[in-house]
Amino acid sequence: MERKHILLFLGGMLFGSAGIKLLSSKDAKKAYTHVTAAALRCKDSVMETVDTVQENCSDILADARSINEQRAAADEKEFIEDSSDQE
């Protein structure tokens, strides 16, 4: 049983050492660079979409405020007309 544990430990060390060499190789670094570049392009695309949505929301908010101001002015005019008719 002890021999099995020792062999598993040595196998793990060998696998770990090979994995570290593989992860730090030039090919791996090149792959990491390409993946990072793709992530940056994706981020830029998302940020452009966010900017467009924010601009649209600002326009919608301004239009909604304008509509509410027009309704308030119309309601006030109607109230004044109703008040003057009652006198």
N, C-alpha and C. Protein backbone atom coordinates (compact mmCIF):
# COMPACT_ATOMS: atom_id res chain seq x y z
N MET A 1 0.83 -1.18 0.00
CA MET A 1 0.00 0.00 0.00
C MET A 1 0.87 1.25 0.00
N GLU A 2 1.94 1.22 0.79
CA GLU A 2 2.82 2.38 0.88
C GLU A 2 3.52 2.62 -0.46
N ARG A 3 3.85 1.55 -1.15
CA ARG A 3 4.51 1.68 -2.45
C ARG A 3 3.58 2.37 -3.44
N LYS A 4 2.29 2.07 -3.39
CA LYS A 4 1.31 2.70 -4.28
C LYS A 4 1.26 4.20 -4.03
N HIS A 5 1.30 4.60 -2.77
CA HIS A 5 1.26 6.02 -2.42
C HIS A 5 2.51 6.74 -2.93
N ILE A 6 3.64 6.10 -2.79
CA ILE A 6 4.89 6.70 -3.25
C ILE A 6 4.85 6.87 -4.77
N LEU A 7 4.37 5.85 -5.48
CA LEU A 7 4.29 5.92 -6.94
C LEU A 7 3.30 7.01 -7.37
N LEU A 8 2.18 7.13 -6.68
CA LEU A 8 1.22 8.19 -6.99
C LEU A 8 1.82 9.57 -6.75
N PHE A 9 2.58 9.69 -5.66
CA PHE A 9 3.22 10.97 -5.35
C PHE A 9 4.25 11.32 -6.43
N LEU A 10 5.08 10.38 -6.81
CA LEU A 10 6.09 10.63 -7.85
C LEU A 10 5.42 10.92 -9.19
N GLY A 11 4.36 10.22 -9.51
CA GLY A 11 3.63 10.47 -10.75
C GLY A 11 3.03 11.87 -10.76
N GLY A 12 2.50 12.28 -9.61
CA GLY A 12 1.95 13.64 -9.50
C GLY A 12 3.01 14.70 -9.67
N MET A 13 4.18 14.47 -9.08
CA MET A 13 5.29 15.43 -9.24
C MET A 13 5.73 15.51 -10.69
N LEU A 14 5.84 14.36 -11.35
CA LEU A 14 6.26 14.33 -12.75
C LEU A 14 5.22 15.04 -13.62
N PHE A 15 3.95 14.74 -13.40
CA PHE A 15 2.87 15.38 -14.16
C PHE A 15 2.85 16.88 -13.91
N GLY A 16 3.04 17.28 -12.65
CA GLY A 16 3.07 18.70 -12.31
C GLY A 16 4.22 19.43 -12.96
N SER A 17 5.38 18.83 -12.95
CA SER A 17 6.56 19.45 -13.58
C SER A 17 6.36 19.58 -15.09
N ALA A 18 5.83 18.54 -15.71
CA ALA A 18 5.58 18.60 -17.16
C ALA A 18 4.51 19.64 -17.47
N GLY A 19 3.51 19.73 -16.61
CA GLY A 19 2.44 20.71 -16.82
C GLY A 19 2.95 22.13 -16.74
N ILE A 20 3.84 22.40 -15.78
CA ILE A 20 4.41 23.74 -15.63
C ILE A 20 5.23 24.09 -16.87
N LYS A 21 6.03 23.15 -17.35
CA LYS A 21 6.83 23.40 -18.55
C LYS A 21 5.92 23.65 -19.75
N LEU A 22 4.85 22.89 -19.86
CA LEU A 22 3.93 23.05 -20.97
C LEU A 22 3.23 24.41 -20.91
N LEU A 23 2.78 24.81 -19.72
CA LEU A 23 2.06 26.07 -19.56
C LEU A 23 2.96 27.29 -19.76
N SER A 24 4.27 27.13 -19.57
CA SER A 24 5.18 28.26 -19.73
C SER A 24 5.93 28.23 -21.05
N SER A 25 5.53 27.36 -21.97
CA SER A 25 6.22 27.27 -23.25
C SER A 25 5.86 28.45 -24.16
N LYS A 26 6.66 28.65 -25.21
CA LYS A 26 6.41 29.75 -26.15
C LYS A 26 5.06 29.59 -26.84
N ASP A 27 4.72 28.36 -27.21
CA ASP A 27 3.43 28.12 -27.87
C ASP A 27 2.27 28.46 -26.96
N ALA A 28 2.39 28.10 -25.68
CA ALA A 28 1.33 28.41 -24.73
C ALA A 28 1.20 29.92 -24.55
N LYS A 29 2.33 30.63 -24.45
CA LYS A 29 2.30 32.08 -24.30
C LYS A 29 1.66 32.73 -25.53
N LYS A 30 1.93 32.18 -26.70
CA LYS A 30 1.33 32.71 -27.93
C LYS A 30 -0.19 32.51 -27.89
N ALA A 31 -0.61 31.35 -27.43
CA ALA A 31 -2.05 31.07 -27.33
C ALA A 31 -2.70 32.01 -26.31
N TYR A 32 -2.04 32.23 -25.16
CA TYR A 32 -2.57 33.16 -24.16
C TYR A 32 -2.71 34.56 -24.74
N THR A 33 -1.73 34.96 -25.54
CA THR A 33 -1.75 36.29 -26.15
C THR A 33 -2.94 36.42 -27.10
N HIS A 34 -3.19 35.41 -27.90
CA HIS A 34 -4.32 35.45 -28.84
C HIS A 34 -5.66 35.47 -28.10
N VAL A 35 -5.75 34.70 -27.06
CA VAL A 35 -6.99 34.67 -26.28
C VAL A 35 -7.23 36.03 -25.61
N THR A 36 -6.17 36.62 -25.08
CA THR A 36 -6.29 37.93 -24.45
C THR A 36 -6.68 38.99 -25.46
N ALA A 37 -6.09 38.94 -26.66
CA ALA A 37 -6.44 39.90 -27.72
C ALA A 37 -7.92 39.76 -28.09
N ALA A 38 -8.40 38.54 -28.19
CA ALA A 38 -9.81 38.32 -28.52
C ALA A 38 -10.71 38.86 -27.40
N ALA A 39 -10.30 38.68 -26.16
CA ALA A 39 -11.09 39.19 -25.04
C ALA A 39 -11.14 40.72 -25.07
N LEU A 40 -10.03 41.35 -25.42
CA LEU A 40 -10.02 42.81 -25.52
C LEU A 40 -10.92 43.31 -26.64
N ARG A 41 -10.92 42.59 -27.77
CA ARG A 41 -11.82 42.98 -28.87
C ARG A 41 -13.27 42.83 -28.45
N CYS A 42 -13.57 41.78 -27.73
CA CYS A 42 -14.93 41.56 -27.23
C CYS A 42 -15.33 42.67 -26.28
N LYS A 43 -14.42 43.05 -25.38
CA LYS A 43 -14.69 44.13 -24.43
C LYS A 43 -14.98 45.43 -25.16
N ASP A 44 -14.20 45.74 -26.20
CA ASP A 44 -14.43 46.96 -26.97
C ASP A 44 -15.80 46.96 -27.63
N SER A 45 -16.19 45.81 -28.16
CA SER A 45 -17.50 45.69 -28.80
C SER A 45 -18.62 45.89 -27.79
N VAL A 46 -18.47 45.30 -26.63
CA VAL A 46 -19.49 45.43 -25.59
C VAL A 46 -19.59 46.89 -25.13
N MET A 47 -18.45 47.55 -24.99
CA MET A 47 -18.46 48.94 -24.54
C MET A 47 -19.12 49.85 -25.58
N GLU A 48 -18.93 49.57 -26.86
CA GLU A 48 -19.62 50.35 -27.90
C GLU A 48 -21.13 50.18 -27.78
N THR A 49 -21.57 48.96 -27.53
CA THR A 49 -23.00 48.70 -27.37
C THR A 49 -23.53 49.41 -26.13
N VAL A 50 -22.78 49.38 -25.05
CA VAL A 50 -23.19 50.06 -23.81
C VAL A 50 -23.33 51.56 -24.06
N ASP A 51 -22.39 52.14 -24.78
CA ASP A 51 -22.45 53.58 -25.09
C ASP A 51 -23.71 53.91 -25.90
N THR A 52 -24.03 53.07 -26.88
CA THR A 52 -25.22 53.29 -27.70
C THR A 52 -26.49 53.21 -26.85
N VAL A 53 -26.55 52.22 -25.98
CA VAL A 53 -27.73 52.06 -25.11
C VAL A 53 -27.85 53.26 -24.17
N GLN A 54 -26.74 53.73 -23.62
CA GLN A 54 -26.79 54.89 -22.73
C GLN A 54 -27.28 56.14 -23.46
N GLU A 55 -26.81 56.33 -24.69
CA GLU A 55 -27.27 57.48 -25.48
C GLU A 55 -28.77 57.38 -25.74
N ASN A 56 -29.24 56.20 -26.10
CA ASN A 56 -30.66 56.01 -26.35
C ASN A 56 -31.48 56.25 -25.07
N CYS A 57 -30.98 55.79 -23.95
CA CYS A 57 -31.70 56.01 -22.68
C CYS A 57 -31.77 57.49 -22.35
N SER A 58 -30.71 58.22 -22.61
CA SER A 58 -30.72 59.67 -22.36
C SER A 58 -31.75 60.35 -23.23
N ASP A 59 -31.83 59.95 -24.50
CA ASP A 59 -32.83 60.53 -25.41
C ASP A 59 -34.25 60.21 -24.93
N ILE A 60 -34.47 58.99 -24.53
CA ILE A 60 -35.79 58.56 -24.05
C ILE A 60 -36.17 59.35 -22.80
N LEU A 61 -35.23 59.50 -21.88
CA LEU A 61 -35.50 60.24 -20.65
C LEU A 61 -35.84 61.70 -20.95
N ALA A 62 -35.11 62.32 -21.86
CA ALA A 62 -35.39 63.72 -22.22
C ALA A 62 -36.77 63.84 -22.86
N ASP A 63 -37.11 62.91 -23.74
CA ASP A 63 -38.43 62.94 -24.37
C ASP A 63 -39.54 62.72 -23.34
N ALA A 64 -39.33 61.82 -22.41
CA ALA A 64 -40.34 61.54 -21.38
C ALA A 64 -40.56 62.77 -20.49
N ARG A 65 -39.48 63.45 -20.14
CA ARG A 65 -39.62 64.66 -19.33
C ARG A 65 -40.38 65.74 -20.10
N SER A 66 -40.10 65.86 -21.39
CA SER A 66 -40.80 66.84 -22.22
C SER A 66 -42.29 66.53 -22.29
N ILE A 67 -42.62 65.27 -22.46
CA ILE A 67 -44.03 64.85 -22.50
C ILE A 67 -44.72 65.19 -21.18
N ASN A 68 -44.05 64.89 -20.06
CA ASN A 68 -44.64 65.19 -18.75
C ASN A 68 -44.81 66.69 -18.53
N GLU A 69 -43.87 67.48 -18.98
CA GLU A 69 -44.00 68.93 -18.86
C GLU A 69 -45.17 69.44 -19.69
N GLN A 70 -45.35 68.91 -20.91
CA GLN A 70 -46.47 69.31 -21.77
C GLN A 70 -47.80 68.92 -21.12
N ARG A 71 -47.87 67.73 -20.56
CA ARG A 71 -49.11 67.30 -19.90
C ARG A 71 -49.41 68.16 -18.68
N ALA A 72 -48.37 68.48 -17.92
CA ALA A 72 -48.58 69.31 -16.73
C ALA A 72 -49.07 70.70 -17.14
N ALA A 73 -48.51 71.26 -18.21
CA ALA A 73 -48.94 72.57 -18.69
C ALA A 73 -50.38 72.51 -19.18
N ALA A 74 -50.73 71.43 -19.88
CA ALA A 74 -52.10 71.28 -20.37
C ALA A 74 -53.07 71.11 -19.20
N ASP A 75 -52.70 70.33 -18.19
CA ASP A 75 -53.55 70.15 -17.02
C ASP A 75 -53.74 71.47 -16.27
N GLU A 76 -52.65 72.22 -16.15
CA GLU A 76 -52.74 73.51 -15.47
C GLU A 76 -53.64 74.47 -16.24
N LYS A 77 -53.51 74.48 -17.57
CA LYS A 77 -54.36 75.35 -18.40
C LYS A 77 -55.82 74.95 -18.25
N GLU A 78 -56.08 73.65 -18.24
CA GLU A 78 -57.45 73.15 -18.09
C GLU A 78 -58.01 73.53 -16.72
N PHE A 79 -57.19 73.43 -15.69
CA PHE A 79 -57.62 73.78 -14.33
C PHE A 79 -57.94 75.27 -14.24
N ILE A 80 -57.11 76.09 -14.87
CA ILE A 80 -57.35 77.54 -14.85
C ILE A 80 -58.65 77.87 -15.60
N GLU A 81 -58.88 77.20 -16.74
CA GLU A 81 -60.10 77.44 -17.51
C GLU A 81 -61.32 77.00 -16.73
N ASP A 82 -61.23 75.86 -16.04
CA ASP A 82 -62.35 75.39 -15.22
C ASP A 82 -62.62 76.35 -14.07
N SER A 83 -61.59 76.88 -13.48
CA SER A 83 -61.74 77.83 -12.36
C SER A 83 -62.41 79.12 -12.83
N SER A 84 -62.02 79.60 -14.00
CA SER A 84 -62.59 80.85 -14.50
C SER A 84 -64.04 80.65 -14.94
N ASP A 85 -64.42 79.45 -15.38
CA ASP A 85 -65.79 79.18 -15.79
C ASP A 85 -66.73 79.14 -14.58
N GLN A 86 -66.20 78.74 -13.43
CA GLN A 86 -67.04 78.62 -12.22
C GLN A 86 -67.34 79.98 -11.60
N GLU A 87 -66.58 80.98 -11.92
CA GLU A 87 -66.80 82.31 -11.32
C GLU A 87 -67.89 83.03 -11.92
